[in-house]
Amino acid sequence: MSPLDFSVDELDKLLDLANDIEKYPQKYAHACEGKKLATCFYEPSTRTRLSFEAAMLNLGGSVLGFASADSSSAAKGESVSDTIRIISCYADICAMRHPKEGAPLVASQKSRIPVINAGDGGHQHPTQTLTDLLTIRSLKGRLGNLTIGLCGDLKFGRTVHSLISALIRYPGIRFVLISPEELRIPSYIREDVLAANNIPFTEVERLEDAMPDLDVLYMTRVQKERFFNEEDYVRLKNFYILTKAKMDLAKEDMLVLHPLPRVNEISVEVDDDPRAAYFKQAQYGVYVRMALILTLLDIRVD
């Protein structure tokens, strides 16, 4: 599943359900009793896997699965299609992360149970995008009429690509794309998504230049391995460290989001700023995954 599989109306219903879960957790504590979630993680993950497990346990269900390809029959050469057919005999719903793009889609076509894409290669990370949407909507009160700064690795960052595609469906969205020349947004996002939908955007290299205009700043890591030479990396690595001084340039109600893990791109001195929302964002990830599990299992709680 991708967030674009949902209409805006369905998406709003899902986010409403997540907000209700946040408010009344007890109401949902037994909603998935007797149901099992299989977590099939072919590559390592801390946050995503544990938040799916927490989500199912919070709903009163149980969890089974594997945390790496080495500990599954994939190590013996079993195909994803065969694995999911077997998992369908054991569980009611599956969350799958896979290094190959499209693997969860293939699994969903062979599966008898719902399959949630928990990240496939550099392609999609849809539940992260749902988490981002829930965080923005819960803390800003809306998903439209916002200026959103995306900072760091915009070329390879799958969370950034997914978020842009999801947000352009809301009115009055404007993007400020903050990155070094080497890590600018790919042309297919620039042309096919932003330009094709007449979405206003500007591209800047300096974070300071963008700060005063932003309602939301979405930080990502600038990864050393993306650069052809060490000099460029050294020149730019501190360019995108969010510090207290840079926060002083921002609006009083701007939000800072980050899909985490962070390395050094947000200084720890920013953590105490009330605008720093990245740890809240991780909590919202549990609520949105609970809502998604309930929706896909067609379980309604009155």
C-alpha atoms as a PDB file:
ATOM      1  CA  MET A   1       0.000   0.000   0.000  1.00  0.00           C
ATOM      2  CA  SER A   2       1.038   3.564  -0.670  1.00  0.00           C
ATOM      3  CA  PRO A   3      -0.644   6.614   0.908  1.00  0.00           C
ATOM      4  CA  LEU A   4      -1.887   7.354  -2.620  1.00  0.00           C
ATOM      5  CA  ASP A   5      -3.959   4.131  -2.503  1.00  0.00           C
ATOM      6  CA  PHE A   6      -6.258   6.070  -0.161  1.00  0.00           C
ATOM      7  CA  SER A   7      -8.452   8.924  -1.364  1.00  0.00           C
ATOM      8  CA  VAL A   8      -8.066  12.164   0.627  1.00  0.00           C
ATOM      9  CA  ASP A   9     -11.380  11.315   2.285  1.00  0.00           C
ATOM     10  CA  GLU A  10     -10.178   7.821   3.304  1.00  0.00           C
ATOM     11  CA  LEU A  11      -6.916   9.319   4.519  1.00  0.00           C
ATOM     12  CA  ASP A  12      -8.783  11.820   6.698  1.00  0.00           C
ATOM     13  CA  LYS A  13     -10.854   8.955   8.182  1.00  0.00           C
ATOM     14  CA  LEU A  14      -7.655   7.005   8.950  1.00  0.00           C
ATOM     15  CA  LEU A  15      -6.066  10.044  10.637  1.00  0.00           C
ATOM     16  CA  ASP A  16      -9.301  10.729  12.580  1.00  0.00           C
ATOM     17  CA  LEU A  17      -9.192   7.141  13.842  1.00  0.00           C
ATOM     18  CA  ALA A  18      -5.516   7.573  14.874  1.00  0.00           C
ATOM     19  CA  ASN A  19      -6.434  10.726  16.818  1.00  0.00           C
ATOM     20  CA  ASP A  20      -9.294   8.878  18.541  1.00  0.00           C
ATOM     21  CA  ILE A  21      -6.866   6.083  19.512  1.00  0.00           C
ATOM     22  CA  GLU A  22      -4.518   8.711  20.958  1.00  0.00           C
ATOM     23  CA  LYS A  23      -7.373  10.176  23.050  1.00  0.00           C
ATOM     24  CA  TYR A  24      -9.056   6.934  24.173  1.00  0.00           C
ATOM     25  CA  PRO A  25      -6.429   4.144  24.153  1.00  0.00           C
ATOM     26  CA  GLN A  26      -8.468   1.965  26.552  1.00  0.00           C
ATOM     27  CA  LYS A  27     -11.357   1.803  24.103  1.00  0.00           C
ATOM     28  CA  TYR A  28      -9.098  -0.031  21.622  1.00  0.00           C
ATOM     29  CA  ALA A  29      -7.164  -2.216  24.082  1.00  0.00           C
ATOM     30  CA  HIS A  30      -8.969  -5.441  23.083  1.00  0.00           C
ATOM     31  CA  ALA A  31      -9.932  -4.647  19.481  1.00  0.00           C
ATOM     32  CA  CYS A  32      -7.536  -7.215  17.965  1.00  0.00           C
ATOM     33  CA  GLU A  33      -7.816  -9.975  20.550  1.00  0.00           C
ATOM     34  CA  GLY A  34      -7.185 -13.308  18.838  1.00  0.00           C
ATOM     35  CA  LYS A  35      -5.558 -11.614  15.802  1.00  0.00           C
ATOM     36  CA  LYS A  36      -1.914 -12.040  14.805  1.00  0.00           C
ATOM     37  CA  LEU A  37       0.442  -9.642  13.020  1.00  0.00           C
ATOM     38  CA  ALA A  38       3.430 -11.145  11.174  1.00  0.00           C
ATOM     39  CA  THR A  39       6.424  -8.800  10.904  1.00  0.00           C
ATOM     40  CA  CYS A  40       8.545  -9.956   7.936  1.00  0.00           C
ATOM     41  CA  PHE A  41      11.644  -7.765   8.004  1.00  0.00           C
ATOM     42  CA  TYR A  42      14.200  -8.742   5.388  1.00  0.00           C
ATOM     43  CA  GLU A  43      16.438  -5.842   6.428  1.00  0.00           C
ATOM     44  CA  PRO A  44      17.163  -4.340   9.845  1.00  0.00           C
ATOM     45  CA  SER A  45      14.862  -1.795  11.435  1.00  0.00           C
ATOM     46  CA  THR A  46      14.403  -0.601  14.985  1.00  0.00           C
ATOM     47  CA  ARG A  47      11.667   2.000  14.954  1.00  0.00           C
ATOM     48  CA  THR A  48       9.415   0.658  12.217  1.00  0.00           C
ATOM     49  CA  ARG A  49       9.407  -2.954  13.399  1.00  0.00           C
ATOM     50  CA  LEU A  50       8.982  -2.120  17.077  1.00  0.00           C
ATOM     51  CA  SER A  51       6.263   0.448  16.385  1.00  0.00           C
ATOM     52  CA  PHE A  52       4.289  -2.151  14.382  1.00  0.00           C
ATOM     53  CA  GLU A  53       4.712  -4.646  17.232  1.00  0.00           C
ATOM     54  CA  ALA A  54       3.713  -2.025  19.838  1.00  0.00           C
ATOM     55  CA  ALA A  55       0.689  -1.101  17.702  1.00  0.00           C
ATOM     56  CA  MET A  56      -0.580  -4.698  17.550  1.00  0.00           C
ATOM     57  CA  LEU A  57       0.106  -5.362  21.249  1.00  0.00           C
ATOM     58  CA  ASN A  58      -1.718  -2.115  22.186  1.00  0.00           C
ATOM     59  CA  LEU A  59      -4.738  -3.480  20.291  1.00  0.00           C
ATOM     60  CA  GLY A  60      -4.663  -6.723  22.300  1.00  0.00           C
ATOM     61  CA  GLY A  61      -3.330  -8.822  19.410  1.00  0.00           C
ATOM     62  CA  SER A  62      -0.146 -10.854  19.194  1.00  0.00           C
ATOM     63  CA  VAL A  63       2.960 -10.723  17.022  1.00  0.00           C
ATOM     64  CA  LEU A  64       5.193 -13.244  15.255  1.00  0.00           C
ATOM     65  CA  GLY A  65       7.865 -12.841  12.615  1.00  0.00           C
ATOM     66  CA  PHE A  66      11.551 -12.390  11.838  1.00  0.00           C
ATOM     67  CA  ALA A  67      13.888  -9.398  12.069  1.00  0.00           C
ATOM     68  CA  SER A  68      16.330 -10.199   9.258  1.00  0.00           C
ATOM     69  CA  ALA A  69      16.506 -12.288   6.088  1.00  0.00           C
ATOM     70  CA  ASP A  70      19.225 -14.445   7.709  1.00  0.00           C
ATOM     71  CA  SER A  71      16.776 -15.699  10.315  1.00  0.00           C
ATOM     72  CA  SER A  72      14.112 -16.650   7.740  1.00  0.00           C
ATOM     73  CA  SER A  73      13.880 -19.245   4.963  1.00  0.00           C
ATOM     74  CA  ALA A  74      14.976 -16.514   2.547  1.00  0.00           C
ATOM     75  CA  ALA A  75      18.465 -17.615   3.609  1.00  0.00           C
ATOM     76  CA  LYS A  76      17.641 -20.985   1.980  1.00  0.00           C
ATOM     77  CA  GLY A  77      16.412 -19.275  -1.163  1.00  0.00           C
ATOM     78  CA  GLU A  78      12.649 -19.195  -0.526  1.00  0.00           C
ATOM     79  CA  SER A  79      10.826 -16.596  -2.660  1.00  0.00           C
ATOM     80  CA  VAL A  80       8.775 -13.755  -1.190  1.00  0.00           C
ATOM     81  CA  SER A  81       5.692 -15.209  -2.936  1.00  0.00           C
ATOM     82  CA  ASP A  82       6.104 -18.572  -1.218  1.00  0.00           C
ATOM     83  CA  THR A  83       6.906 -17.004   2.143  1.00  0.00           C
ATOM     84  CA  ILE A  84       3.743 -14.879   2.124  1.00  0.00           C
ATOM     85  CA  ARG A  85       1.582 -17.872   1.144  1.00  0.00           C
ATOM     86  CA  ILE A  86       2.892 -19.671   4.215  1.00  0.00           C
ATOM     87  CA  ILE A  87       2.549 -16.602   6.474  1.00  0.00           C
ATOM     88  CA  SER A  88      -1.094 -16.352   5.312  1.00  0.00           C
ATOM     89  CA  CYS A  89      -1.703 -19.673   7.076  1.00  0.00           C
ATOM     90  CA  TYR A  90      -0.342 -18.367  10.379  1.00  0.00           C
ATOM     91  CA  ALA A  91      -1.298 -14.683  10.685  1.00  0.00           C
ATOM     92  CA  ASP A  92      -4.171 -12.282   9.948  1.00  0.00           C
ATOM     93  CA  ILE A  93      -2.078  -9.373   8.646  1.00  0.00           C
ATOM     94  CA  CYS A  94       1.554  -8.831   7.654  1.00  0.00           C
ATOM     95  CA  ALA A  95       3.989  -5.873   7.772  1.00  0.00           C
ATOM     96  CA  MET A  96       6.877  -6.382   5.338  1.00  0.00           C
ATOM     97  CA  ARG A  97      10.150  -4.509   4.866  1.00  0.00           C
ATOM     98  CA  HIS A  98      12.333  -5.596   1.968  1.00  0.00           C
ATOM     99  CA  PRO A  99      15.469  -4.230   0.268  1.00  0.00           C
ATOM    100  CA  LYS A 100      13.952  -4.871  -3.194  1.00  0.00           C
ATOM    101  CA  GLU A 101      11.580  -2.260  -4.580  1.00  0.00           C
ATOM    102  CA  GLY A 102       8.140  -3.710  -5.211  1.00  0.00           C
ATOM    103  CA  ALA A 103       8.610  -6.859  -3.066  1.00  0.00           C
ATOM    104  CA  PRO A 104       5.684  -6.030  -0.710  1.00  0.00           C
ATOM    105  CA  LEU A 105       3.494  -5.386  -3.788  1.00  0.00           C
ATOM    106  CA  VAL A 106       4.361  -8.830  -5.199  1.00  0.00           C
ATOM    107  CA  ALA A 107       3.630 -10.332  -1.766  1.00  0.00           C
ATOM    108  CA  SER A 108       0.228  -8.606  -1.592  1.00  0.00           C
ATOM    109  CA  GLN A 109      -0.753 -10.138  -4.949  1.00  0.00           C
ATOM    110  CA  LYS A 110      -0.058 -13.665  -3.674  1.00  0.00           C
ATOM    111  CA  SER A 111      -1.307 -13.168  -0.138  1.00  0.00           C
ATOM    112  CA  ARG A 112      -4.636 -14.127   1.451  1.00  0.00           C
ATOM    113  CA  ILE A 113      -4.104 -11.520   4.197  1.00  0.00           C
ATOM    114  CA  PRO A 114      -3.492  -7.737   4.024  1.00  0.00           C
ATOM    115  CA  VAL A 115       0.186  -6.815   3.498  1.00  0.00           C
ATOM    116  CA  ILE A 116       1.486  -3.453   4.727  1.00  0.00           C
ATOM    117  CA  ASN A 117       4.591  -2.081   3.021  1.00  0.00           C
ATOM    118  CA  ALA A 118       6.990  -1.208   5.875  1.00  0.00           C
ATOM    119  CA  GLY A 119       9.612   0.115   3.429  1.00  0.00           C
ATOM    120  CA  ASP A 120      10.907  -1.305   0.145  1.00  0.00           C
ATOM    121  CA  GLY A 121      14.400  -0.278  -0.884  1.00  0.00           C
ATOM    122  CA  GLY A 122      14.712   3.374  -1.851  1.00  0.00           C
ATOM    123  CA  HIS A 123      11.184   3.319  -3.209  1.00  0.00           C
ATOM    124  CA  GLN A 124       8.462   3.933  -0.626  1.00  0.00           C
ATOM    125  CA  HIS A 125       8.046   4.152   3.117  1.00  0.00           C
ATOM    126  CA  PRO A 126       4.274   4.685   3.241  1.00  0.00           C
ATOM    127  CA  THR A 127       3.661   4.279   6.976  1.00  0.00           C
ATOM    128  CA  GLN A 128       6.339   6.904   7.647  1.00  0.00           C
ATOM    129  CA  THR A 129       4.417   9.261   5.354  1.00  0.00           C
ATOM    130  CA  LEU A 130       1.157   8.514   7.200  1.00  0.00           C
ATOM    131  CA  THR A 131       3.025   9.261  10.446  1.00  0.00           C
ATOM    132  CA  ASP A 132       4.278  12.575   9.021  1.00  0.00           C
ATOM    133  CA  LEU A 133       0.765  13.563   7.871  1.00  0.00           C
ATOM    134  CA  LEU A 134      -0.742  12.691  11.267  1.00  0.00           C
ATOM    135  CA  THR A 135       1.978  14.655  13.099  1.00  0.00           C
ATOM    136  CA  ILE A 136       1.504  17.777  10.952  1.00  0.00           C
ATOM    137  CA  ARG A 137      -2.296  17.619  11.093  1.00  0.00           C
ATOM    138  CA  SER A 138      -2.396  16.965  14.864  1.00  0.00           C
ATOM    139  CA  LEU A 139       0.063  19.733  15.772  1.00  0.00           C
ATOM    140  CA  LYS A 140      -0.831  22.347  13.104  1.00  0.00           C
ATOM    141  CA  GLY A 141      -4.546  21.543  12.916  1.00  0.00           C
ATOM    142  CA  ARG A 142      -4.494  21.216   9.108  1.00  0.00           C
ATOM    143  CA  LEU A 143      -2.745  19.679   6.100  1.00  0.00           C
ATOM    144  CA  GLY A 144      -3.409  22.533   3.657  1.00  0.00           C
ATOM    145  CA  ASN A 145      -2.044  26.080   3.341  1.00  0.00           C
ATOM    146  CA  LEU A 146       1.434  25.283   4.635  1.00  0.00           C
ATOM    147  CA  THR A 147       4.970  26.139   3.558  1.00  0.00           C
ATOM    148  CA  ILE A 148       7.074  23.040   4.045  1.00  0.00           C
ATOM    149  CA  GLY A 149      10.870  23.022   4.021  1.00  0.00           C
ATOM    150  CA  LEU A 150      12.556  19.729   3.135  1.00  0.00           C
ATOM    151  CA  CYS A 151      16.235  19.745   4.062  1.00  0.00           C
ATOM    152  CA  GLY A 152      19.203  17.462   3.418  1.00  0.00           C
ATOM    153  CA  ASP A 153      19.305  14.455   1.119  1.00  0.00           C
ATOM    154  CA  LEU A 154      16.437  15.167  -1.272  1.00  0.00           C
ATOM    155  CA  LYS A 155      17.857  12.981  -4.044  1.00  0.00           C
ATOM    156  CA  PHE A 156      17.802   9.588  -2.324  1.00  0.00           C
ATOM    157  CA  GLY A 157      15.512  10.253   0.662  1.00  0.00           C
ATOM    158  CA  ARG A 158      12.489   7.981   0.176  1.00  0.00           C
ATOM    159  CA  THR A 159      10.591   9.655   3.028  1.00  0.00           C
ATOM    160  CA  VAL A 160      10.860  13.019   1.237  1.00  0.00           C
ATOM    161  CA  HIS A 161       9.597  11.643  -2.094  1.00  0.00           C
ATOM    162  CA  SER A 162       6.612   9.940  -0.440  1.00  0.00           C
ATOM    163  CA  LEU A 163       5.733  13.022   1.607  1.00  0.00           C
ATOM    164  CA  ILE A 164       5.769  15.343  -1.427  1.00  0.00           C
ATOM    165  CA  SER A 165       3.484  12.980  -3.381  1.00  0.00           C
ATOM    166  CA  ALA A 166       1.024  12.798  -0.480  1.00  0.00           C
ATOM    167  CA  LEU A 167       0.948  16.515   0.403  1.00  0.00           C
ATOM    168  CA  ILE A 168       0.345  17.891  -3.096  1.00  0.00           C
ATOM    169  CA  ARG A 169      -3.255  16.657  -2.840  1.00  0.00           C
ATOM    170  CA  TYR A 170      -4.004  19.327  -0.228  1.00  0.00           C
ATOM    171  CA  PRO A 171      -4.691  22.998  -1.164  1.00  0.00           C
ATOM    172  CA  GLY A 172      -2.191  25.812  -0.658  1.00  0.00           C
ATOM    173  CA  ILE A 173       0.919  23.657  -0.215  1.00  0.00           C
ATOM    174  CA  ARG A 174       4.267  25.251  -1.032  1.00  0.00           C
ATOM    175  CA  PHE A 175       7.691  23.586  -0.794  1.00  0.00           C
ATOM    176  CA  VAL A 176      11.125  25.014  -0.079  1.00  0.00           C
ATOM    177  CA  LEU A 177      13.730  22.439  -1.137  1.00  0.00           C
ATOM    178  CA  ILE A 178      16.957  22.899   0.831  1.00  0.00           C
ATOM    179  CA  SER A 179      19.899  20.814  -0.363  1.00  0.00           C
ATOM    180  CA  PRO A 180      23.383  20.888  -1.852  1.00  0.00           C
ATOM    181  CA  GLU A 181      23.598  20.777  -5.644  1.00  0.00           C
ATOM    182  CA  GLU A 182      24.679  17.102  -5.427  1.00  0.00           C
ATOM    183  CA  LEU A 183      21.567  16.035  -3.508  1.00  0.00           C
ATOM    184  CA  ARG A 184      18.828  18.050  -5.221  1.00  0.00           C
ATOM    185  CA  ILE A 185      15.370  16.556  -5.717  1.00  0.00           C
ATOM    186  CA  PRO A 186      15.333  14.087  -8.675  1.00  0.00           C
ATOM    187  CA  SER A 187      14.023  15.483 -11.956  1.00  0.00           C
ATOM    188  CA  TYR A 188      11.086  13.035 -12.048  1.00  0.00           C
ATOM    189  CA  ILE A 189       9.766  14.488  -8.758  1.00  0.00           C
ATOM    190  CA  ARG A 190      10.467  18.043  -9.953  1.00  0.00           C
ATOM    191  CA  GLU A 191       8.770  17.551 -13.348  1.00  0.00           C
ATOM    192  CA  ASP A 192       6.182  14.795 -12.924  1.00  0.00           C
ATOM    193  CA  VAL A 193       4.986  15.600  -9.415  1.00  0.00           C
ATOM    194  CA  LEU A 194       5.622  19.277  -8.604  1.00  0.00           C
ATOM    195  CA  ALA A 195       5.594  21.029 -11.992  1.00  0.00           C
ATOM    196  CA  ALA A 196       2.891  18.757 -13.465  1.00  0.00           C
ATOM    197  CA  ASN A 197       0.553  19.657 -10.586  1.00  0.00           C
ATOM    198  CA  ASN A 198       1.475  23.376 -10.559  1.00  0.00           C
ATOM    199  CA  ILE A 199       2.823  23.139  -7.008  1.00  0.00           C
ATOM    200  CA  PRO A 200       4.912  26.220  -6.128  1.00  0.00           C
ATOM    201  CA  PHE A 201       8.453  25.391  -4.942  1.00  0.00           C
ATOM    202  CA  THR A 202      11.811  27.083  -4.541  1.00  0.00           C
ATOM    203  CA  GLU A 203      15.247  25.470  -4.283  1.00  0.00           C
ATOM    204  CA  VAL A 204      17.869  26.965  -1.964  1.00  0.00           C
ATOM    205  CA  GLU A 205      21.231  25.778  -0.693  1.00  0.00           C
ATOM    206  CA  ARG A 206      21.353  27.601   2.665  1.00  0.00           C
ATOM    207  CA  LEU A 207      19.077  26.542   5.513  1.00  0.00           C
ATOM    208  CA  GLU A 208      19.220  30.056   7.059  1.00  0.00           C
ATOM    209  CA  ASP A 209      17.690  31.568   3.902  1.00  0.00           C
ATOM    210  CA  ALA A 210      14.613  29.341   4.196  1.00  0.00           C
ATOM    211  CA  MET A 211      13.939  29.400   7.947  1.00  0.00           C
ATOM    212  CA  PRO A 212      11.777  32.573   8.318  1.00  0.00           C
ATOM    213  CA  ASP A 213       9.130  31.375   5.798  1.00  0.00           C
ATOM    214  CA  LEU A 214       8.539  27.838   7.020  1.00  0.00           C
ATOM    215  CA  ASP A 215       5.542  26.342   8.837  1.00  0.00           C
ATOM    216  CA  VAL A 216       7.198  22.902   8.915  1.00  0.00           C
ATOM    217  CA  LEU A 217      10.877  21.952   8.565  1.00  0.00           C
ATOM    218  CA  TYR A 218      11.489  18.299   7.636  1.00  0.00           C
ATOM    219  CA  MET A 219      15.130  17.387   8.302  1.00  0.00           C
ATOM    220  CA  THR A 220      16.923  14.372   6.784  1.00  0.00           C
ATOM    221  CA  ARG A 221      20.452  12.998   7.010  1.00  0.00           C
ATOM    222  CA  VAL A 222      23.164  14.016   4.548  1.00  0.00           C
ATOM    223  CA  GLN A 223      24.933  10.695   4.131  1.00  0.00           C
ATOM    224  CA  LYS A 224      28.647  10.534   3.525  1.00  0.00           C
ATOM    225  CA  GLU A 225      28.346   7.627   1.090  1.00  0.00           C
ATOM    226  CA  ARG A 226      26.270   9.766  -1.324  1.00  0.00           C
ATOM    227  CA  PHE A 227      29.279  11.948  -2.217  1.00  0.00           C
ATOM    228  CA  PHE A 228      31.883  11.260  -4.886  1.00  0.00           C
ATOM    229  CA  ASN A 229      34.624  12.999  -2.957  1.00  0.00           C
ATOM    230  CA  GLU A 230      35.441  13.637   0.670  1.00  0.00           C
ATOM    231  CA  GLU A 231      35.966  17.393   0.146  1.00  0.00           C
ATOM    232  CA  ASP A 232      32.363  17.993  -0.933  1.00  0.00           C
ATOM    233  CA  TYR A 233      31.088  16.056   2.055  1.00  0.00           C
ATOM    234  CA  VAL A 234      33.308  17.951   4.505  1.00  0.00           C
ATOM    235  CA  ARG A 235      32.253  21.258   2.898  1.00  0.00           C
ATOM    236  CA  LEU A 236      28.561  20.477   3.320  1.00  0.00           C
ATOM    237  CA  LYS A 237      28.194  18.197   6.322  1.00  0.00           C
ATOM    238  CA  ASN A 238      27.855  21.049   8.827  1.00  0.00           C
ATOM    239  CA  PHE A 239      25.854  23.163   6.433  1.00  0.00           C
ATOM    240  CA  TYR A 240      22.701  21.369   7.475  1.00  0.00           C
ATOM    241  CA  ILE A 241      23.045  21.139  11.219  1.00  0.00           C
ATOM    242  CA  LEU A 242      19.973  22.659  12.834  1.00  0.00           C
ATOM    243  CA  THR A 243      21.152  24.703  15.823  1.00  0.00           C
ATOM    244  CA  LYS A 244      19.553  27.015  18.362  1.00  0.00           C
ATOM    245  CA  ALA A 245      20.848  30.010  16.388  1.00  0.00           C
ATOM    246  CA  LYS A 246      19.081  28.797  13.225  1.00  0.00           C
ATOM    247  CA  MET A 247      15.884  28.092  15.210  1.00  0.00           C
ATOM    248  CA  ASP A 248      15.939  31.766  16.295  1.00  0.00           C
ATOM    249  CA  LEU A 249      15.259  32.684  12.646  1.00  0.00           C
ATOM    250  CA  ALA A 250      12.074  30.590  12.499  1.00  0.00           C
ATOM    251  CA  LYS A 251       8.420  31.308  13.268  1.00  0.00           C
ATOM    252  CA  GLU A 252       7.288  30.725  16.843  1.00  0.00           C
ATOM    253  CA  ASP A 253       4.963  27.921  15.771  1.00  0.00           C
ATOM    254  CA  MET A 254       7.141  26.197  13.172  1.00  0.00           C
ATOM    255  CA  LEU A 255       7.423  22.414  13.602  1.00  0.00           C
ATOM    256  CA  VAL A 256      10.646  20.444  13.183  1.00  0.00           C
ATOM    257  CA  LEU A 257      10.150  16.863  11.962  1.00  0.00           C
ATOM    258  CA  HIS A 258      12.721  14.140  11.265  1.00  0.00           C
ATOM    259  CA  PRO A 259      12.046  10.502  10.281  1.00  0.00           C
ATOM    260  CA  LEU A 260      14.997   9.462  12.541  1.00  0.00           C
ATOM    261  CA  PRO A 261      17.583   8.120  13.185  1.00  0.00           C
ATOM    262  CA  ARG A 262      19.485  11.406  13.352  1.00  0.00           C
ATOM    263  CA  VAL A 263      23.256  11.501  13.322  1.00  0.00           C
ATOM    264  CA  ASN A 264      24.318  15.122  13.829  1.00  0.00           C
ATOM    265  CA  GLU A 265      21.920  17.112  11.626  1.00  0.00           C
ATOM    266  CA  ILE A 266      19.854  18.347  14.574  1.00  0.00           C
ATOM    267  CA  SER A 267      21.892  19.593  17.505  1.00  0.00           C
ATOM    268  CA  VAL A 268      20.740  18.072  20.826  1.00  0.00           C
ATOM    269  CA  GLU A 269      20.268  21.639  22.140  1.00  0.00           C
ATOM    270  CA  VAL A 270      17.190  21.849  19.872  1.00  0.00           C
ATOM    271  CA  ASP A 271      15.504  18.876  21.605  1.00  0.00           C
ATOM    272  CA  ASP A 272      14.121  21.088  24.386  1.00  0.00           C
ATOM    273  CA  ASP A 273      12.610  23.613  21.970  1.00  0.00           C
ATOM    274  CA  PRO A 274       8.784  23.262  22.028  1.00  0.00           C
ATOM    275  CA  ARG A 275       8.861  23.304  18.209  1.00  0.00           C
ATOM    276  CA  ALA A 276      10.955  20.106  18.083  1.00  0.00           C
ATOM    277  CA  ALA A 277       8.349  17.463  17.258  1.00  0.00           C
ATOM    278  CA  TYR A 278      10.458  14.477  16.107  1.00  0.00           C
ATOM    279  CA  PHE A 279      10.035  12.376  19.254  1.00  0.00           C
ATOM    280  CA  LYS A 280       6.278  13.093  19.283  1.00  0.00           C
ATOM    281  CA  GLN A 281       6.339  12.060  15.627  1.00  0.00           C
ATOM    282  CA  ALA A 282       7.662   8.606  16.657  1.00  0.00           C
ATOM    283  CA  GLN A 283       4.717   8.271  19.089  1.00  0.00           C
ATOM    284  CA  TYR A 284       2.246   9.269  16.365  1.00  0.00           C
ATOM    285  CA  GLY A 285       3.764   6.440  14.311  1.00  0.00           C
ATOM    286  CA  VAL A 286       2.293   3.918  16.752  1.00  0.00           C
ATOM    287  CA  TYR A 287      -1.196   5.499  16.604  1.00  0.00           C
ATOM    288  CA  VAL A 288      -1.246   5.609  12.811  1.00  0.00           C
ATOM    289  CA  ARG A 289      -0.119   1.974  12.545  1.00  0.00           C
ATOM    290  CA  MET A 290      -2.844   0.957  15.021  1.00  0.00           C
ATOM    291  CA  ALA A 291      -5.391   2.782  12.855  1.00  0.00           C
ATOM    292  CA  LEU A 292      -4.041   1.107   9.730  1.00  0.00           C
ATOM    293  CA  ILE A 293      -4.221  -2.387  11.247  1.00  0.00           C
ATOM    294  CA  LEU A 294      -7.831  -1.816  12.350  1.00  0.00           C
ATOM    295  CA  THR A 295      -8.792  -0.396   8.937  1.00  0.00           C
ATOM    296  CA  LEU A 296      -7.217  -3.243   6.936  1.00  0.00           C
ATOM    297  CA  LEU A 297      -8.725  -5.901   9.229  1.00  0.00           C
ATOM    298  CA  ASP A 298     -12.080  -4.089   8.929  1.00  0.00           C
ATOM    299  CA  ILE A 299     -12.472  -3.920  12.714  1.00  0.00           C
ATOM    300  CA  ARG A 300     -14.736  -1.153  13.989  1.00  0.00           C
ATOM    301  CA  VAL A 301     -14.801  -0.053  17.611  1.00  0.00           C
ATOM    302  CA  ASP A 302     -17.894   1.843  18.753  1.00  0.00           C
END
